[in-house]
Amino acid sequence: MIELINPAVKTIVDNILITQYDIFKEWPNEKVDLIIAANILNNCYFPEKQIKLAIMILINALNDGGRFVIVDSRDIEKGTIFQVLNKGIKAEKDINGGTE
């Protein structure tokens, strides 16, 4: 397994969980405040039906007020930050036009 986490993160934050996880299965741990999905939720890898499933599972893994960030850096780095509020989700910020 190749770990794609910057080693400096582990020295800066003392309560971070880094674990292998299948985004198509329910999150088995306690709810979290931040999820970053970088360069994975796009049609190059999965059909739309699977992407929607993964997004719903990840949203359900967030605490109320938590944020879900989708990053796509295939051409230029783009991103969208979503916030979960009262079981709903709203786009909070787009970076370089946002993600698809």
PDB file of N, CA and C in Angstrom:
ATOM      1  N   MET A   1       0.838  -1.176   0.000  1.00  0.00           N
ATOM      2  CA  MET A   1       0.000   0.000   0.000  1.00  0.00           C
ATOM      3  C   MET A   1       0.882   1.238   0.000  1.00  0.00           C
ATOM      4  N   ILE A   2       0.517   2.213  -0.820  1.00  0.00           N
ATOM      5  CA  ILE A   2       1.229   3.485  -0.881  1.00  0.00           C
ATOM      6  C   ILE A   2       0.440   4.504  -0.076  1.00  0.00           C
ATOM      7  N   GLU A   3       1.082   5.124   0.888  1.00  0.00           N
ATOM      8  CA  GLU A   3       0.412   6.133   1.696  1.00  0.00           C
ATOM      9  C   GLU A   3       0.565   7.493   1.026  1.00  0.00           C
ATOM     10  N   LEU A   4      -0.558   8.121   0.715  1.00  0.00           N
ATOM     11  CA  LEU A   4      -0.558   9.388   0.001  1.00  0.00           C
ATOM     12  C   LEU A   4      -0.793  10.570   0.930  1.00  0.00           C
ATOM     13  N   ILE A   5      -0.408  10.445   2.173  1.00  0.00           N
ATOM     14  CA  ILE A   5      -0.567  11.502   3.161  1.00  0.00           C
ATOM     15  C   ILE A   5       0.796  12.148   3.390  1.00  0.00           C
ATOM     16  N   ASN A   6       0.824  13.464   3.373  1.00  0.00           N
ATOM     17  CA  ASN A   6       2.054  14.185   3.651  1.00  0.00           C
ATOM     18  C   ASN A   6       2.511  13.832   5.066  1.00  0.00           C
ATOM     19  N   PRO A   7       3.730  13.330   5.238  1.00  0.00           N
ATOM     20  CA  PRO A   7       4.211  12.931   6.570  1.00  0.00           C
ATOM     21  C   PRO A   7       4.176  14.070   7.590  1.00  0.00           C
ATOM     22  N   ALA A   8       4.275  15.320   7.127  1.00  0.00           N
ATOM     23  CA  ALA A   8       4.242  16.461   8.047  1.00  0.00           C
ATOM     24  C   ALA A   8       2.900  16.565   8.765  1.00  0.00           C
ATOM     25  N   VAL A   9       1.833  16.087   8.136  1.00  0.00           N
ATOM     26  CA  VAL A   9       0.506  16.139   8.756  1.00  0.00           C
ATOM     27  C   VAL A   9       0.517  15.361  10.063  1.00  0.00           C
ATOM     28  N   LYS A  10       1.169  14.234  10.073  1.00  0.00           N
ATOM     29  CA  LYS A  10       1.209  13.397  11.274  1.00  0.00           C
ATOM     30  C   LYS A  10       1.940  14.082  12.430  1.00  0.00           C
ATOM     31  N   THR A  11       2.879  14.948  12.140  1.00  0.00           N
ATOM     32  CA  THR A  11       3.612  15.629  13.205  1.00  0.00           C
ATOM     33  C   THR A  11       2.893  16.888  13.682  1.00  0.00           C
ATOM     34  N   ILE A  12       2.018  17.447  12.858  1.00  0.00           N
ATOM     35  CA  ILE A  12       1.301  18.678  13.212  1.00  0.00           C
ATOM     36  C   ILE A  12       0.028  18.370  13.999  1.00  0.00           C
ATOM     37  N   VAL A  13      -0.686  17.351  13.591  1.00  0.00           N
ATOM     38  CA  VAL A  13      -1.975  17.009  14.194  1.00  0.00           C
ATOM     39  C   VAL A  13      -1.823  15.706  14.969  1.00  0.00           C
ATOM     40  N   ASP A  14      -2.211  15.732  16.242  1.00  0.00           N
ATOM     41  CA  ASP A  14      -2.017  14.525  17.054  1.00  0.00           C
ATOM     42  C   ASP A  14      -3.238  13.614  17.110  1.00  0.00           C
ATOM     43  N   ASN A  15      -4.382  14.060  16.617  1.00  0.00           N
ATOM     44  CA  ASN A  15      -5.579  13.213  16.699  1.00  0.00           C
ATOM     45  C   ASN A  15      -6.149  12.926  15.310  1.00  0.00           C
ATOM     46  N   ILE A  16      -5.291  12.529  14.413  1.00  0.00           N
ATOM     47  CA  ILE A  16      -5.703  12.233  13.043  1.00  0.00           C
ATOM     48  C   ILE A  16      -5.692  10.721  12.830  1.00  0.00           C
ATOM     49  N   LEU A  17      -6.727  10.231  12.148  1.00  0.00           N
ATOM     50  CA  LEU A  17      -6.812   8.815  11.824  1.00  0.00           C
ATOM     51  C   LEU A  17      -6.536   8.650  10.334  1.00  0.00           C
ATOM     52  N   ILE A  18      -5.529   7.887  10.005  1.00  0.00           N
ATOM     53  CA  ILE A  18      -5.219   7.583   8.616  1.00  0.00           C
ATOM     54  C   ILE A  18      -5.405   6.085   8.460  1.00  0.00           C
ATOM     55  N   THR A  19      -6.362   5.712   7.604  1.00  0.00           N
ATOM     56  CA  THR A  19      -6.688   4.304   7.459  1.00  0.00           C
ATOM     57  C   THR A  19      -7.146   4.013   6.042  1.00  0.00           C
ATOM     58  N   GLN A  20      -6.949   2.797   5.613  1.00  0.00           N
ATOM     59  CA  GLN A  20      -7.445   2.373   4.309  1.00  0.00           C
ATOM     60  C   GLN A  20      -8.952   2.205   4.429  1.00  0.00           C
ATOM     61  N   TYR A  21      -9.689   2.656   3.409  1.00  0.00           N
ATOM     62  CA  TYR A  21     -11.151   2.657   3.496  1.00  0.00           C
ATOM     63  C   TYR A  21     -11.754   2.510   2.107  1.00  0.00           C
ATOM     64  N   ASP A  22     -12.794   1.710   1.991  1.00  0.00           N
ATOM     65  CA  ASP A  22     -13.531   1.515   0.741  1.00  0.00           C
ATOM     66  C   ASP A  22     -14.693   2.506   0.724  1.00  0.00           C
ATOM     67  N   ILE A  23     -14.658   3.498  -0.173  1.00  0.00           N
ATOM     68  CA  ILE A  23     -15.671   4.557  -0.181  1.00  0.00           C
ATOM     69  C   ILE A  23     -17.061   4.074  -0.578  1.00  0.00           C
ATOM     70  N   PHE A  24     -17.186   2.816  -0.972  1.00  0.00           N
ATOM     71  CA  PHE A  24     -18.499   2.275  -1.328  1.00  0.00           C
ATOM     72  C   PHE A  24     -19.128   1.479  -0.192  1.00  0.00           C
ATOM     73  N   LYS A  25     -18.501   1.515   0.972  1.00  0.00           N
ATOM     74  CA  LYS A  25     -19.040   0.837   2.151  1.00  0.00           C
ATOM     75  C   LYS A  25     -19.252   1.865   3.261  1.00  0.00           C
ATOM     76  N   GLU A  26     -20.212   1.586   4.126  1.00  0.00           N
ATOM     77  CA  GLU A  26     -20.524   2.502   5.228  1.00  0.00           C
ATOM     78  C   GLU A  26     -19.278   2.767   6.073  1.00  0.00           C
ATOM     79  N   TRP A  27     -19.103   4.037   6.477  1.00  0.00           N
ATOM     80  CA  TRP A  27     -17.978   4.441   7.315  1.00  0.00           C
ATOM     81  C   TRP A  27     -18.108   3.746   8.667  1.00  0.00           C
ATOM     82  N   PRO A  28     -17.118   2.929   9.087  1.00  0.00           N
ATOM     83  CA  PRO A  28     -17.253   2.125  10.302  1.00  0.00           C
ATOM     84  C   PRO A  28     -16.865   2.842  11.598  1.00  0.00           C
ATOM     85  N   ASN A  29     -16.324   4.041  11.495  1.00  0.00           N
ATOM     86  CA  ASN A  29     -15.823   4.760  12.671  1.00  0.00           C
ATOM     87  C   ASN A  29     -16.802   5.857  13.091  1.00  0.00           C
ATOM     88  N   GLU A  30     -16.441   6.610  14.133  1.00  0.00           N
ATOM     89  CA  GLU A  30     -17.287   7.717  14.565  1.00  0.00           C
ATOM     90  C   GLU A  30     -17.340   8.795  13.475  1.00  0.00           C
ATOM     91  N   LYS A  31     -18.380   9.617  13.526  1.00  0.00           N
ATOM     92  CA  LYS A  31     -18.530  10.672  12.523  1.00  0.00           C
ATOM     93  C   LYS A  31     -17.381  11.665  12.640  1.00  0.00           C
ATOM     94  N   VAL A  32     -17.075  12.312  11.519  1.00  0.00           N
ATOM     95  CA  VAL A  32     -15.929  13.212  11.445  1.00  0.00           C
ATOM     96  C   VAL A  32     -16.379  14.614  11.033  1.00  0.00           C
ATOM     97  N   ASP A  33     -15.466  15.570  11.132  1.00  0.00           N
ATOM     98  CA  ASP A  33     -15.755  16.957  10.773  1.00  0.00           C
ATOM     99  C   ASP A  33     -15.297  17.326   9.372  1.00  0.00           C
ATOM    100  N   LEU A  34     -14.380  16.556   8.805  1.00  0.00           N
ATOM    101  CA  LEU A  34     -13.830  16.897   7.497  1.00  0.00           C
ATOM    102  C   LEU A  34     -13.512  15.637   6.707  1.00  0.00           C
ATOM    103  N   ILE A  35     -13.961  15.631   5.455  1.00  0.00           N
ATOM    104  CA  ILE A  35     -13.598  14.566   4.518  1.00  0.00           C
ATOM    105  C   ILE A  35     -13.101  15.245   3.252  1.00  0.00           C
ATOM    106  N   ILE A  36     -11.945  14.817   2.775  1.00  0.00           N
ATOM    107  CA  ILE A  36     -11.386  15.327   1.526  1.00  0.00           C
ATOM    108  C   ILE A  36     -11.276  14.158   0.558  1.00  0.00           C
ATOM    109  N   ALA A  37     -11.947  14.291  -0.570  1.00  0.00           N
ATOM    110  CA  ALA A  37     -11.878  13.267  -1.626  1.00  0.00           C
ATOM    111  C   ALA A  37     -11.147  13.915  -2.803  1.00  0.00           C
ATOM    112  N   ALA A  38      -9.896  13.564  -2.969  1.00  0.00           N
ATOM    113  CA  ALA A  38      -9.064  14.198  -3.994  1.00  0.00           C
ATOM    114  C   ALA A  38      -8.799  13.241  -5.151  1.00  0.00           C
ATOM    115  N   ASN A  39      -9.200  13.666  -6.327  1.00  0.00           N
ATOM    116  CA  ASN A  39      -8.924  12.944  -7.576  1.00  0.00           C
ATOM    117  C   ASN A  39      -9.460  11.517  -7.602  1.00  0.00           C
ATOM    118  N   ILE A  40     -10.612  11.303  -6.983  1.00  0.00           N
ATOM    119  CA  ILE A  40     -11.184   9.958  -7.001  1.00  0.00           C
ATOM    120  C   ILE A  40     -12.633   9.946  -7.463  1.00  0.00           C
ATOM    121  N   LEU A  41     -13.403  10.964  -7.143  1.00  0.00           N
ATOM    122  CA  LEU A  41     -14.828  10.975  -7.475  1.00  0.00           C
ATOM    123  C   LEU A  41     -15.053  11.615  -8.843  1.00  0.00           C
ATOM    124  N   ASN A  42     -14.600  10.925  -9.877  1.00  0.00           N
ATOM    125  CA  ASN A  42     -14.825  11.429 -11.232  1.00  0.00           C
ATOM    126  C   ASN A  42     -15.102  10.262 -12.180  1.00  0.00           C
ATOM    127  N   ASN A  43     -15.666  10.610 -13.322  1.00  0.00           N
ATOM    128  CA  ASN A  43     -16.095   9.593 -14.290  1.00  0.00           C
ATOM    129  C   ASN A  43     -14.943   8.843 -14.956  1.00  0.00           C
ATOM    130  N   CYS A  44     -13.721   9.258 -14.732  1.00  0.00           N
ATOM    131  CA  CYS A  44     -12.570   8.508 -15.256  1.00  0.00           C
ATOM    132  C   CYS A  44     -12.427   7.165 -14.532  1.00  0.00           C
ATOM    133  N   TYR A  45     -12.887   7.125 -13.284  1.00  0.00           N
ATOM    134  CA  TYR A  45     -12.730   5.925 -12.470  1.00  0.00           C
ATOM    135  C   TYR A  45     -14.027   5.149 -12.258  1.00  0.00           C
ATOM    136  N   PHE A  46     -15.139   5.881 -12.082  1.00  0.00           N
ATOM    137  CA  PHE A  46     -16.387   5.228 -11.705  1.00  0.00           C
ATOM    138  C   PHE A  46     -17.558   5.790 -12.495  1.00  0.00           C
ATOM    139  N   PRO A  47     -18.584   4.970 -12.722  1.00  0.00           N
ATOM    140  CA  PRO A  47     -19.802   5.491 -13.351  1.00  0.00           C
ATOM    141  C   PRO A  47     -20.561   6.391 -12.361  1.00  0.00           C
ATOM    142  N   GLU A  48     -21.436   7.220 -12.892  1.00  0.00           N
ATOM    143  CA  GLU A  48     -22.161   8.199 -12.082  1.00  0.00           C
ATOM    144  C   GLU A  48     -22.898   7.563 -10.903  1.00  0.00           C
ATOM    145  N   LYS A  49     -23.491   6.388 -11.114  1.00  0.00           N
ATOM    146  CA  LYS A  49     -24.234   5.710 -10.046  1.00  0.00           C
ATOM    147  C   LYS A  49     -23.334   5.413  -8.846  1.00  0.00           C
ATOM    148  N   GLN A  50     -22.117   4.944  -9.097  1.00  0.00           N
ATOM    149  CA  GLN A  50     -21.185   4.645  -8.004  1.00  0.00           C
ATOM    150  C   GLN A  50     -20.696   5.922  -7.326  1.00  0.00           C
ATOM    151  N   ILE A  51     -20.480   6.974  -8.111  1.00  0.00           N
ATOM    152  CA  ILE A  51     -20.044   8.249  -7.530  1.00  0.00           C
ATOM    153  C   ILE A  51     -21.108   8.776  -6.584  1.00  0.00           C
ATOM    154  N   LYS A  52     -22.374   8.722  -7.010  1.00  0.00           N
ATOM    155  CA  LYS A  52     -23.469   9.188  -6.150  1.00  0.00           C
ATOM    156  C   LYS A  52     -23.541   8.372  -4.862  1.00  0.00           C
ATOM    157  N   LEU A  53     -23.366   7.058  -4.976  1.00  0.00           N
ATOM    158  CA  LEU A  53     -23.370   6.199  -3.796  1.00  0.00           C
ATOM    159  C   LEU A  53     -22.243   6.597  -2.845  1.00  0.00           C
ATOM    160  N   ALA A  54     -21.047   6.768  -3.364  1.00  0.00           N
ATOM    161  CA  ALA A  54     -19.898   7.139  -2.523  1.00  0.00           C
ATOM    162  C   ALA A  54     -20.143   8.482  -1.839  1.00  0.00           C
ATOM    163  N   ILE A  55     -20.680   9.442  -2.560  1.00  0.00           N
ATOM    164  CA  ILE A  55     -20.950  10.761  -1.981  1.00  0.00           C
ATOM    165  C   ILE A  55     -21.952  10.654  -0.837  1.00  0.00           C
ATOM    166  N   MET A  56     -23.023   9.888  -1.028  1.00  0.00           N
ATOM    167  CA  MET A  56     -24.025   9.731   0.040  1.00  0.00           C
ATOM    168  C   MET A  56     -23.416   9.066   1.274  1.00  0.00           C
ATOM    169  N   ILE A  57     -22.603   8.063   1.062  1.00  0.00           N
ATOM    170  CA  ILE A  57     -21.955   7.379   2.189  1.00  0.00           C
ATOM    171  C   ILE A  57     -21.028   8.339   2.931  1.00  0.00           C
ATOM    172  N   LEU A  58     -20.250   9.107   2.187  1.00  0.00           N
ATOM    173  CA  LEU A  58     -19.317  10.040   2.817  1.00  0.00           C
ATOM    174  C   LEU A  58     -20.048  11.155   3.554  1.00  0.00           C
ATOM    175  N   ILE A  59     -21.133  11.661   2.986  1.00  0.00           N
ATOM    176  CA  ILE A  59     -21.915  12.698   3.659  1.00  0.00           C
ATOM    177  C   ILE A  59     -22.470  12.158   4.981  1.00  0.00           C
ATOM    178  N   ASN A  60     -22.918  10.922   4.976  1.00  0.00           N
ATOM    179  CA  ASN A  60     -23.448  10.313   6.201  1.00  0.00           C
ATOM    180  C   ASN A  60     -22.375  10.093   7.260  1.00  0.00           C
ATOM    181  N   ALA A  61     -21.113  10.136   6.881  1.00  0.00           N
ATOM    182  CA  ALA A  61     -20.014   9.961   7.834  1.00  0.00           C
ATOM    183  C   ALA A  61     -19.636  11.273   8.522  1.00  0.00           C
ATOM    184  N   LEU A  62     -20.263  12.370   8.109  1.00  0.00           N
ATOM    185  CA  LEU A  62     -19.927  13.690   8.655  1.00  0.00           C
ATOM    186  C   LEU A  62     -20.830  14.095   9.813  1.00  0.00           C
ATOM    187  N   ASN A  63     -20.244  14.795  10.774  1.00  0.00           N
ATOM    188  CA  ASN A  63     -21.012  15.446  11.825  1.00  0.00           C
ATOM    189  C   ASN A  63     -21.800  16.600  11.224  1.00  0.00           C
ATOM    190  N   ASP A  64     -22.881  17.018  11.893  1.00  0.00           N
ATOM    191  CA  ASP A  64     -23.599  18.205  11.467  1.00  0.00           C
ATOM    192  C   ASP A  64     -22.638  19.396  11.542  1.00  0.00           C
ATOM    193  N   GLY A  65     -22.577  20.173  10.493  1.00  0.00           N
ATOM    194  CA  GLY A  65     -21.621  21.274  10.407  1.00  0.00           C
ATOM    195  C   GLY A  65     -20.307  20.871   9.762  1.00  0.00           C
ATOM    196  N   GLY A  66     -20.142  19.570   9.499  1.00  0.00           N
ATOM    197  CA  GLY A  66     -18.907  19.071   8.890  1.00  0.00           C
ATOM    198  C   GLY A  66     -18.782  19.489   7.433  1.00  0.00           C
ATOM    199  N   ARG A  67     -17.580  19.374   6.916  1.00  0.00           N
ATOM    200  CA  ARG A  67     -17.314  19.782   5.544  1.00  0.00           C
ATOM    201  C   ARG A  67     -16.789  18.619   4.718  1.00  0.00           C
ATOM    202  N   PHE A  68     -17.211  18.631   3.460  1.00  0.00           N
ATOM    203  CA  PHE A  68     -16.837  17.613   2.483  1.00  0.00           C
ATOM    204  C   PHE A  68     -16.197  18.355   1.318  1.00  0.00           C
ATOM    205  N   VAL A  69     -14.944  18.049   1.038  1.00  0.00           N
ATOM    206  CA  VAL A  69     -14.196  18.736  -0.013  1.00  0.00           C
ATOM    207  C   VAL A  69     -13.918  17.750  -1.141  1.00  0.00           C
ATOM    208  N   ILE A  70     -14.288  18.150  -2.350  1.00  0.00           N
ATOM    209  CA  ILE A  70     -13.977  17.345  -3.535  1.00  0.00           C
ATOM    210  C   ILE A  70     -12.952  18.118  -4.340  1.00  0.00           C
ATOM    211  N   VAL A  71     -11.832  17.461  -4.645  1.00  0.00           N
ATOM    212  CA  VAL A  71     -10.734  18.078  -5.394  1.00  0.00           C
ATOM    213  C   VAL A  71     -10.542  17.319  -6.700  1.00  0.00           C
ATOM    214  N   ASP A  72     -10.319  18.070  -7.766  1.00  0.00           N
ATOM    215  CA  ASP A  72     -10.017  17.495  -9.084  1.00  0.00           C
ATOM    216  C   ASP A  72      -8.837  18.275  -9.653  1.00  0.00           C
ATOM    217  N   SER A  73      -7.707  17.612  -9.816  1.00  0.00           N
ATOM    218  CA  SER A  73      -6.532  18.320 -10.337  1.00  0.00           C
ATOM    219  C   SER A  73      -6.019  17.676 -11.623  1.00  0.00           C
ATOM    220  N   ARG A  74      -6.959  17.197 -12.458  1.00  0.00           N
ATOM    221  CA  ARG A  74      -6.547  16.584 -13.722  1.00  0.00           C
ATOM    222  C   ARG A  74      -5.947  17.618 -14.673  1.00  0.00           C
ATOM    223  N   ASP A  75      -6.597  18.744 -14.874  1.00  0.00           N
ATOM    224  CA  ASP A  75      -6.055  19.797 -15.741  1.00  0.00           C
ATOM    225  C   ASP A  75      -5.461  20.898 -14.869  1.00  0.00           C
ATOM    226  N   ILE A  76      -6.332  21.603 -14.171  1.00  0.00           N
ATOM    227  CA  ILE A  76      -5.894  22.561 -13.156  1.00  0.00           C
ATOM    228  C   ILE A  76      -6.580  22.162 -11.866  1.00  0.00           C
ATOM    229  N   GLU A  77      -6.005  22.535 -10.748  1.00  0.00           N
ATOM    230  CA  GLU A  77      -6.619  22.135  -9.487  1.00  0.00           C
ATOM    231  C   GLU A  77      -7.902  22.913  -9.259  1.00  0.00           C
ATOM    232  N   LYS A  78      -9.003  22.161  -9.138  1.00  0.00           N
ATOM    233  CA  LYS A  78     -10.320  22.728  -8.860  1.00  0.00           C
ATOM    234  C   LYS A  78     -10.869  22.031  -7.631  1.00  0.00           C
ATOM    235  N   GLY A  79     -11.774  22.700  -6.958  1.00  0.00           N
ATOM    236  CA  GLY A  79     -12.371  22.069  -5.789  1.00  0.00           C
ATOM    237  C   GLY A  79     -13.702  22.693  -5.442  1.00  0.00           C
ATOM    238  N   THR A  80     -14.482  21.944  -4.680  1.00  0.00           N
ATOM    239  CA  THR A  80     -15.728  22.450  -4.127  1.00  0.00           C
ATOM    240  C   THR A  80     -15.792  22.018  -2.674  1.00  0.00           C
ATOM    241  N   ILE A  81     -16.150  22.967  -1.816  1.00  0.00           N
ATOM    242  CA  ILE A  81     -16.310  22.691  -0.393  1.00  0.00           C
ATOM    243  C   ILE A  81     -17.804  22.710  -0.094  1.00  0.00           C
ATOM    244  N   PHE A  82     -18.279  21.609   0.472  1.00  0.00           N
ATOM    245  CA  PHE A  82     -19.682  21.487   0.862  1.00  0.00           C
ATOM    246  C   PHE A  82     -19.752  21.453   2.377  1.00  0.00           C
ATOM    247  N   GLN A  83     -20.862  21.929   2.919  1.00  0.00           N
ATOM    248  CA  GLN A  83     -21.084  21.832   4.354  1.00  0.00           C
ATOM    249  C   GLN A  83     -22.392  21.098   4.603  1.00  0.00           C
ATOM    250  N   VAL A  84     -22.362  20.184   5.577  1.00  0.00           N
ATOM    251  CA  VAL A  84     -23.552  19.431   5.968  1.00  0.00           C
ATOM    252  C   VAL A  84     -24.212  20.167   7.123  1.00  0.00           C
ATOM    253  N   LEU A  85     -25.479  20.533   6.925  1.00  0.00           N
ATOM    254  CA  LEU A  85     -26.242  21.241   7.952  1.00  0.00           C
ATOM    255  C   LEU A  85     -27.636  20.645   8.056  1.00  0.00           C
ATOM    256  N   ASN A  86     -28.021  20.204   9.244  1.00  0.00           N
ATOM    257  CA  ASN A  86     -29.361  19.666   9.481  1.00  0.00           C
ATOM    258  C   ASN A  86     -29.749  18.612   8.451  1.00  0.00           C
ATOM    259  N   LYS A  87     -28.865  17.661   8.217  1.00  0.00           N
ATOM    260  CA  LYS A  87     -29.089  16.552   7.280  1.00  0.00           C
ATOM    261  C   LYS A  87     -29.166  16.989   5.821  1.00  0.00           C
ATOM    262  N   GLY A  88     -28.911  18.255   5.531  1.00  0.00           N
ATOM    263  CA  GLY A  88     -28.837  18.739   4.154  1.00  0.00           C
ATOM    264  C   GLY A  88     -27.399  19.081   3.830  1.00  0.00           C
ATOM    265  N   ILE A  89     -27.145  19.422   2.593  1.00  0.00           N
ATOM    266  CA  ILE A  89     -25.794  19.787   2.186  1.00  0.00           C
ATOM    267  C   ILE A  89     -25.865  21.004   1.279  1.00  0.00           C
ATOM    268  N   LYS A  90     -24.930  21.937   1.475  1.00  0.00           N
ATOM    269  CA  LYS A  90     -24.898  23.116   0.623  1.00  0.00           C
ATOM    270  C   LYS A  90     -23.473  23.356   0.151  1.00  0.00           C
ATOM    271  N   ALA A  91     -23.364  23.846  -1.080  1.00  0.00           N
ATOM    272  CA  ALA A  91     -22.047  24.214  -1.609  1.00  0.00           C
ATOM    273  C   ALA A  91     -21.636  25.508  -0.916  1.00  0.00           C
ATOM    274  N   GLU A  92     -20.483  25.476  -0.306  1.00  0.00           N
ATOM    275  CA  GLU A  92     -20.009  26.626   0.456  1.00  0.00           C
ATOM    276  C   GLU A  92     -19.031  27.485  -0.345  1.00  0.00           C
ATOM    277  N   LYS A  93     -18.175  26.811  -1.130  1.00  0.00           N
ATOM    278  CA  LYS A  93     -17.173  27.563  -1.885  1.00  0.00           C
ATOM    279  C   LYS A  93     -16.675  26.740  -3.053  1.00  0.00           C
ATOM    280  N   ASP A  94     -16.508  27.388  -4.207  1.00  0.00           N
ATOM    281  CA  ASP A  94     -15.878  26.783  -5.372  1.00  0.00           C
ATOM    282  C   ASP A  94     -14.488  27.370  -5.565  1.00  0.00           C
ATOM    283  N   ILE A  95     -13.546  26.538  -5.909  1.00  0.00           N
ATOM    284  CA  ILE A  95     -12.174  26.989  -6.186  1.00  0.00           C
ATOM    285  C   ILE A  95     -11.889  26.716  -7.654  1.00  0.00           C
ATOM    286  N   ASN A  96     -11.481  27.733  -8.378  1.00  0.00           N
ATOM    287  CA  ASN A  96     -11.208  27.642  -9.827  1.00  0.00           C
ATOM    288  C   ASN A  96     -12.381  27.051 -10.601  1.00  0.00           C
ATOM    289  N   GLY A  97     -13.592  27.476 -10.274  1.00  0.00           N
ATOM    290  CA  GLY A  97     -14.768  27.029 -10.998  1.00  0.00           C
ATOM    291  C   GLY A  97     -15.451  25.820 -10.402  1.00  0.00           C
ATOM    292  N   GLY A  98     -14.873  25.220  -9.387  1.00  0.00           N
ATOM    293  CA  GLY A  98     -15.490  24.066  -8.730  1.00  0.00           C
ATOM    294  C   GLY A  98     -15.324  22.777  -9.513  1.00  0.00           C
ATOM    295  N   THR A  99     -15.850  21.705  -8.915  1.00  0.00           N
ATOM    296  CA  THR A  99     -15.758  20.381  -9.525  1.00  0.00           C
ATOM    297  C   THR A  99     -17.049  20.039 -10.233  1.00  0.00           C
ATOM    298  N   GLU A 100     -16.998  19.003 -11.065  1.00  0.00           N
ATOM    299  CA  GLU A 100     -18.184  18.615 -11.832  1.00  0.00           C
ATOM    300  C   GLU A 100     -19.232  17.939 -10.986  1.00  0.00           C
TER     301      GLU A 100
END
